[in-house]
Amino acid sequence: MEFNSENLLTTAQAFFADELKKASKDLGYMPPQNCYIYLVDLLNQSVTQNEPLFLDEMLSVKILSAQNESIAERKRILRLVGDHSLCLSGLFSSSLKRKVVDVDFYEGMGRLAFDQLSSSHQDKSGVELFSLLSQHFSQIVSLLSCLGDTLFYQYKQDILRLHDLYGKTQSKYALKKLIELGQIPVDQKIKAQQ
């Protein structure tokens, strides 16, 4: 099979669609269909386009400056902030260890960006998509963390991060990994005693 840009696009999309489904099964969470499609497209764009996904400015400054832009530019900036926050806090959360600005900050900025984006859309599908991305942000971050673990092995022995992920989301994936490491969360110990 000869690879060209069309084959790469199809191959990358299929790969990310399959990997997200596997991660969803491991996590016990499947995002709404339009969010799932958005995530597959986001991951696909990250490997097939030349535009950088990550910003070199502070996200809070970027969101604030977006308020003074045209509607189209504001939407572009807010979407970039949301996408950046999703990928960084999900796929690359281990890069935020021991940093002043942690995963919670990026989750908050991403949720805010998608919420503002949903309120600036005129069409019903855009409002629904970005509202759902904002509402499901923590679960989607968990899903991307699960995917990142599979692709990059970032949670091998990160017990504190797994406890944090489980505490915030009740992630079946995080629970499974904690049990494999001999770390049974308190709520599971209580359930076992009852």
C-alpha atoms as a PDB file:
ATOM      1  CA  MET A   1       0.000   0.000   0.000  1.00  0.00           C
ATOM      2  CA  GLU A   2       1.384   3.361  -0.996  1.00  0.00           C
ATOM      3  CA  PHE A   3       0.896   6.104   1.584  1.00  0.00           C
ATOM      4  CA  ASN A   4      -0.203   9.548   0.540  1.00  0.00           C
ATOM      5  CA  SER A   5      -1.829  12.320   2.542  1.00  0.00           C
ATOM      6  CA  GLU A   6      -5.317  10.865   2.016  1.00  0.00           C
ATOM      7  CA  ASN A   7      -4.241   7.412   3.262  1.00  0.00           C
ATOM      8  CA  LEU A   8      -2.483   8.960   6.234  1.00  0.00           C
ATOM      9  CA  LEU A   9      -5.620  10.914   7.137  1.00  0.00           C
ATOM     10  CA  THR A  10      -7.788   7.799   6.931  1.00  0.00           C
ATOM     11  CA  THR A  11      -5.230   5.680   8.785  1.00  0.00           C
ATOM     12  CA  ALA A  12      -4.715   8.242  11.567  1.00  0.00           C
ATOM     13  CA  GLN A  13      -8.459   8.773  12.002  1.00  0.00           C
ATOM     14  CA  ALA A  14      -9.101   5.046  12.160  1.00  0.00           C
ATOM     15  CA  PHE A  15      -6.240   4.576  14.627  1.00  0.00           C
ATOM     16  CA  PHE A  16      -7.480   7.299  16.984  1.00  0.00           C
ATOM     17  CA  ALA A  17     -11.104   6.147  16.671  1.00  0.00           C
ATOM     18  CA  ASP A  18     -10.071   2.601  17.656  1.00  0.00           C
ATOM     19  CA  GLU A  19      -7.777   3.740  20.477  1.00  0.00           C
ATOM     20  CA  LEU A  20     -10.437   6.063  21.919  1.00  0.00           C
ATOM     21  CA  LYS A  21     -12.962   3.208  21.893  1.00  0.00           C
ATOM     22  CA  LYS A  22     -10.471   0.960  23.729  1.00  0.00           C
ATOM     23  CA  ALA A  23      -9.745   3.704  26.261  1.00  0.00           C
ATOM     24  CA  SER A  24     -13.498   4.300  26.709  1.00  0.00           C
ATOM     25  CA  LYS A  25     -13.991   0.627  27.462  1.00  0.00           C
ATOM     26  CA  ASP A  26     -11.088   0.611  29.951  1.00  0.00           C
ATOM     27  CA  LEU A  27     -12.372   3.774  31.604  1.00  0.00           C
ATOM     28  CA  GLY A  28     -16.042   2.817  31.614  1.00  0.00           C
ATOM     29  CA  TYR A  29     -16.985   6.138  30.056  1.00  0.00           C
ATOM     30  CA  MET A  30     -18.049   6.888  26.500  1.00  0.00           C
ATOM     31  CA  PRO A  31     -18.384  10.584  25.672  1.00  0.00           C
ATOM     32  CA  PRO A  32     -21.415  11.845  23.758  1.00  0.00           C
ATOM     33  CA  GLN A  33     -21.153  10.946  20.058  1.00  0.00           C
ATOM     34  CA  ASN A  34     -20.426  14.491  18.851  1.00  0.00           C
ATOM     35  CA  CYS A  35     -17.680  14.858  21.499  1.00  0.00           C
ATOM     36  CA  TYR A  36     -16.191  11.511  20.443  1.00  0.00           C
ATOM     37  CA  ILE A  37     -16.058  12.655  16.808  1.00  0.00           C
ATOM     38  CA  TYR A  38     -14.531  15.970  17.918  1.00  0.00           C
ATOM     39  CA  LEU A  39     -11.809  14.134  19.879  1.00  0.00           C
ATOM     40  CA  VAL A  40     -10.965  11.850  16.950  1.00  0.00           C
ATOM     41  CA  ASP A  41     -10.676  14.924  14.698  1.00  0.00           C
ATOM     42  CA  LEU A  42      -8.586  16.796  17.295  1.00  0.00           C
ATOM     43  CA  LEU A  43      -6.147  13.917  17.692  1.00  0.00           C
ATOM     44  CA  ASN A  44      -6.010  13.405  13.938  1.00  0.00           C
ATOM     45  CA  GLN A  45      -5.255  17.095  13.333  1.00  0.00           C
ATOM     46  CA  SER A  46      -2.478  16.983  15.902  1.00  0.00           C
ATOM     47  CA  VAL A  47      -0.528  14.530  13.725  1.00  0.00           C
ATOM     48  CA  THR A  48      -1.591  15.568  10.230  1.00  0.00           C
ATOM     49  CA  GLN A  49      -1.490  19.380  10.294  1.00  0.00           C
ATOM     50  CA  ASN A  50       1.404  21.790  10.526  1.00  0.00           C
ATOM     51  CA  GLU A  51      -0.324  24.207  12.905  1.00  0.00           C
ATOM     52  CA  PRO A  52       0.925  23.913  16.477  1.00  0.00           C
ATOM     53  CA  LEU A  53      -1.678  22.708  18.948  1.00  0.00           C
ATOM     54  CA  PHE A  54       0.065  24.136  21.977  1.00  0.00           C
ATOM     55  CA  LEU A  55       0.095  27.787  22.861  1.00  0.00           C
ATOM     56  CA  ASP A  56       3.114  29.728  23.992  1.00  0.00           C
ATOM     57  CA  GLU A  57       1.104  32.244  26.011  1.00  0.00           C
ATOM     58  CA  MET A  58      -0.665  31.990  29.345  1.00  0.00           C
ATOM     59  CA  LEU A  59      -4.161  30.618  28.785  1.00  0.00           C
ATOM     60  CA  SER A  60      -5.863  33.099  31.094  1.00  0.00           C
ATOM     61  CA  VAL A  61      -4.300  35.983  29.150  1.00  0.00           C
ATOM     62  CA  LYS A  62      -5.339  34.357  25.876  1.00  0.00           C
ATOM     63  CA  ILE A  63      -8.970  34.013  27.034  1.00  0.00           C
ATOM     64  CA  LEU A  64      -9.021  37.604  28.261  1.00  0.00           C
ATOM     65  CA  SER A  65      -7.550  38.961  25.028  1.00  0.00           C
ATOM     66  CA  ALA A  66     -10.092  36.982  22.986  1.00  0.00           C
ATOM     67  CA  GLN A  67     -12.849  39.181  24.398  1.00  0.00           C
ATOM     68  CA  ASN A  68     -11.533  42.132  22.353  1.00  0.00           C
ATOM     69  CA  GLU A  69     -11.362  40.252  19.034  1.00  0.00           C
ATOM     70  CA  SER A  70     -13.841  39.812  16.211  1.00  0.00           C
ATOM     71  CA  ILE A  71     -16.354  37.010  16.700  1.00  0.00           C
ATOM     72  CA  ALA A  72     -14.539  34.687  14.286  1.00  0.00           C
ATOM     73  CA  GLU A  73     -11.140  35.326  15.901  1.00  0.00           C
ATOM     74  CA  ARG A  74     -12.636  34.980  19.379  1.00  0.00           C
ATOM     75  CA  LYS A  75     -14.074  31.570  18.458  1.00  0.00           C
ATOM     76  CA  ARG A  76     -10.722  30.469  17.006  1.00  0.00           C
ATOM     77  CA  ILE A  77      -8.814  31.518  20.146  1.00  0.00           C
ATOM     78  CA  LEU A  78     -11.314  29.943  22.555  1.00  0.00           C
ATOM     79  CA  ARG A  79     -11.289  26.693  20.609  1.00  0.00           C
ATOM     80  CA  LEU A  80      -7.485  26.654  20.593  1.00  0.00           C
ATOM     81  CA  VAL A  81      -7.406  27.245  24.361  1.00  0.00           C
ATOM     82  CA  GLY A  82      -9.957  24.467  24.915  1.00  0.00           C
ATOM     83  CA  ASP A  83      -8.097  22.044  22.653  1.00  0.00           C
ATOM     84  CA  HIS A  84      -4.744  22.915  24.229  1.00  0.00           C
ATOM     85  CA  SER A  85      -6.167  22.388  27.708  1.00  0.00           C
ATOM     86  CA  LEU A  86      -7.724  19.045  26.769  1.00  0.00           C
ATOM     87  CA  CYS A  87      -4.533  17.667  25.277  1.00  0.00           C
ATOM     88  CA  LEU A  88      -2.161  18.975  27.910  1.00  0.00           C
ATOM     89  CA  SER A  89      -4.246  17.977  30.929  1.00  0.00           C
ATOM     90  CA  GLY A  90      -5.220  14.646  29.370  1.00  0.00           C
ATOM     91  CA  LEU A  91      -2.442  13.298  27.180  1.00  0.00           C
ATOM     92  CA  PHE A  92       0.505  15.103  28.752  1.00  0.00           C
ATOM     93  CA  SER A  93      -0.528  15.602  32.381  1.00  0.00           C
ATOM     94  CA  SER A  94       2.733  14.091  33.608  1.00  0.00           C
ATOM     95  CA  SER A  95       4.526  17.146  32.196  1.00  0.00           C
ATOM     96  CA  LEU A  96       2.673  19.252  34.778  1.00  0.00           C
ATOM     97  CA  LYS A  97       4.031  17.418  37.824  1.00  0.00           C
ATOM     98  CA  ARG A  98       5.552  19.713  40.404  1.00  0.00           C
ATOM     99  CA  LYS A  99       4.639  22.812  38.401  1.00  0.00           C
ATOM    100  CA  VAL A 100       3.072  25.955  39.823  1.00  0.00           C
ATOM    101  CA  VAL A 101       0.225  25.600  37.328  1.00  0.00           C
ATOM    102  CA  ASP A 102      -1.204  22.085  37.499  1.00  0.00           C
ATOM    103  CA  VAL A 103      -3.809  19.953  35.745  1.00  0.00           C
ATOM    104  CA  ASP A 104      -6.681  21.565  37.661  1.00  0.00           C
ATOM    105  CA  PHE A 105      -5.787  24.973  36.220  1.00  0.00           C
ATOM    106  CA  TYR A 106      -5.785  23.638  32.657  1.00  0.00           C
ATOM    107  CA  GLU A 107      -9.050  21.812  33.231  1.00  0.00           C
ATOM    108  CA  GLY A 108     -10.615  25.031  34.517  1.00  0.00           C
ATOM    109  CA  MET A 109      -9.315  27.067  31.571  1.00  0.00           C
ATOM    110  CA  GLY A 110     -10.486  24.461  29.061  1.00  0.00           C
ATOM    111  CA  ARG A 111     -13.926  24.212  30.629  1.00  0.00           C
ATOM    112  CA  LEU A 112     -14.215  28.017  30.624  1.00  0.00           C
ATOM    113  CA  ALA A 113     -13.054  28.301  26.997  1.00  0.00           C
ATOM    114  CA  PHE A 114     -15.556  25.696  25.751  1.00  0.00           C
ATOM    115  CA  ASP A 115     -18.339  27.244  27.848  1.00  0.00           C
ATOM    116  CA  GLN A 116     -17.672  30.699  26.374  1.00  0.00           C
ATOM    117  CA  LEU A 117     -17.401  29.151  22.923  1.00  0.00           C
ATOM    118  CA  SER A 118     -20.808  27.486  23.274  1.00  0.00           C
ATOM    119  CA  SER A 119     -22.420  30.804  24.185  1.00  0.00           C
ATOM    120  CA  SER A 120     -20.853  32.559  21.189  1.00  0.00           C
ATOM    121  CA  HIS A 121     -22.161  30.061  18.617  1.00  0.00           C
ATOM    122  CA  GLN A 122     -25.284  30.787  16.601  1.00  0.00           C
ATOM    123  CA  ASP A 123     -25.956  27.272  15.324  1.00  0.00           C
ATOM    124  CA  LYS A 124     -27.546  24.675  17.587  1.00  0.00           C
ATOM    125  CA  SER A 125     -24.951  21.970  16.876  1.00  0.00           C
ATOM    126  CA  GLY A 126     -22.049  24.271  17.869  1.00  0.00           C
ATOM    127  CA  VAL A 127     -23.797  25.335  21.057  1.00  0.00           C
ATOM    128  CA  GLU A 128     -24.522  21.701  21.948  1.00  0.00           C
ATOM    129  CA  LEU A 129     -21.017  20.413  21.125  1.00  0.00           C
ATOM    130  CA  PHE A 130     -19.061  23.017  23.071  1.00  0.00           C
ATOM    131  CA  SER A 131     -21.517  22.956  25.965  1.00  0.00           C
ATOM    132  CA  LEU A 132     -21.071  19.167  26.205  1.00  0.00           C
ATOM    133  CA  LEU A 133     -17.272  19.500  25.966  1.00  0.00           C
ATOM    134  CA  SER A 134     -17.408  21.958  28.870  1.00  0.00           C
ATOM    135  CA  GLN A 135     -19.751  19.785  30.955  1.00  0.00           C
ATOM    136  CA  HIS A 136     -17.821  16.560  30.301  1.00  0.00           C
ATOM    137  CA  PHE A 137     -14.352  18.128  30.438  1.00  0.00           C
ATOM    138  CA  SER A 138     -13.068  16.159  33.451  1.00  0.00           C
ATOM    139  CA  GLN A 139     -14.326  12.847  32.070  1.00  0.00           C
ATOM    140  CA  ILE A 140     -12.807  13.598  28.647  1.00  0.00           C
ATOM    141  CA  VAL A 141      -9.495  14.474  30.322  1.00  0.00           C
ATOM    142  CA  SER A 142      -9.663  11.087  32.077  1.00  0.00           C
ATOM    143  CA  LEU A 143     -10.342   9.429  28.739  1.00  0.00           C
ATOM    144  CA  LEU A 144      -7.361  11.172  27.154  1.00  0.00           C
ATOM    145  CA  SER A 145      -5.231  10.240  30.196  1.00  0.00           C
ATOM    146  CA  CYS A 146      -6.185   6.615  29.661  1.00  0.00           C
ATOM    147  CA  LEU A 147      -5.299   6.955  25.968  1.00  0.00           C
ATOM    148  CA  GLY A 148      -2.036   8.677  26.880  1.00  0.00           C
ATOM    149  CA  ASP A 149      -1.191   5.891  29.293  1.00  0.00           C
ATOM    150  CA  THR A 150      -1.646   3.378  26.502  1.00  0.00           C
ATOM    151  CA  LEU A 151       0.317   5.416  23.971  1.00  0.00           C
ATOM    152  CA  PHE A 152       3.020   6.959  26.179  1.00  0.00           C
ATOM    153  CA  TYR A 153       3.041   4.830  29.367  1.00  0.00           C
ATOM    154  CA  GLN A 154       2.813   7.895  31.594  1.00  0.00           C
ATOM    155  CA  TYR A 155       1.096   6.305  34.642  1.00  0.00           C
ATOM    156  CA  LYS A 156       3.344   3.288  35.160  1.00  0.00           C
ATOM    157  CA  GLN A 157       3.925   3.953  38.859  1.00  0.00           C
ATOM    158  CA  ASP A 158       2.314   7.374  39.375  1.00  0.00           C
ATOM    159  CA  ILE A 159       0.193   6.285  42.308  1.00  0.00           C
ATOM    160  CA  LEU A 160      -0.646   9.788  43.549  1.00  0.00           C
ATOM    161  CA  ARG A 161      -1.868  10.869  40.107  1.00  0.00           C
ATOM    162  CA  LEU A 162      -3.981   7.705  39.819  1.00  0.00           C
ATOM    163  CA  HIS A 163      -5.514   8.374  43.261  1.00  0.00           C
ATOM    164  CA  ASP A 164      -6.221  11.948  42.214  1.00  0.00           C
ATOM    165  CA  LEU A 165      -7.795  10.832  38.925  1.00  0.00           C
ATOM    166  CA  TYR A 166      -9.926   8.241  40.728  1.00  0.00           C
ATOM    167  CA  GLY A 167     -10.980  10.709  43.426  1.00  0.00           C
ATOM    168  CA  LYS A 168     -12.121  13.287  40.892  1.00  0.00           C
ATOM    169  CA  THR A 169     -13.801  11.045  38.314  1.00  0.00           C
ATOM    170  CA  GLN A 170     -14.369   7.592  39.859  1.00  0.00           C
ATOM    171  CA  SER A 171     -12.536   6.334  36.776  1.00  0.00           C
ATOM    172  CA  LYS A 172     -12.784   2.549  36.374  1.00  0.00           C
ATOM    173  CA  TYR A 173      -9.467   2.662  34.569  1.00  0.00           C
ATOM    174  CA  ALA A 174      -7.717   4.447  37.467  1.00  0.00           C
ATOM    175  CA  LEU A 175      -9.329   2.037  39.947  1.00  0.00           C
ATOM    176  CA  LYS A 176      -8.097  -0.957  37.940  1.00  0.00           C
ATOM    177  CA  LYS A 177      -4.532   0.460  37.800  1.00  0.00           C
ATOM    178  CA  LEU A 178      -4.554   1.258  41.533  1.00  0.00           C
ATOM    179  CA  ILE A 179      -5.684  -2.257  42.407  1.00  0.00           C
ATOM    180  CA  GLU A 180      -2.957  -3.667  40.133  1.00  0.00           C
ATOM    181  CA  LEU A 181      -0.446  -1.602  42.146  1.00  0.00           C
ATOM    182  CA  GLY A 182      -1.900  -2.830  45.444  1.00  0.00           C
ATOM    183  CA  GLN A 183      -3.528   0.516  46.239  1.00  0.00           C
ATOM    184  CA  ILE A 184      -7.198   0.079  47.085  1.00  0.00           C
ATOM    185  CA  PRO A 185      -9.018   3.430  47.493  1.00  0.00           C
ATOM    186  CA  VAL A 186     -10.813   3.975  50.827  1.00  0.00           C
ATOM    187  CA  ASP A 187     -14.297   3.968  49.298  1.00  0.00           C
ATOM    188  CA  GLN A 188     -13.599   0.545  47.761  1.00  0.00           C
ATOM    189  CA  LYS A 189     -12.357  -0.809  51.114  1.00  0.00           C
ATOM    190  CA  ILE A 190     -15.572   0.392  52.760  1.00  0.00           C
ATOM    191  CA  LYS A 191     -17.701  -1.246  50.037  1.00  0.00           C
ATOM    192  CA  ALA A 192     -15.796  -4.516  50.505  1.00  0.00           C
ATOM    193  CA  GLN A 193     -16.430  -4.446  54.281  1.00  0.00           C
ATOM    194  CA  GLN A 194     -20.185  -3.896  53.912  1.00  0.00           C
END
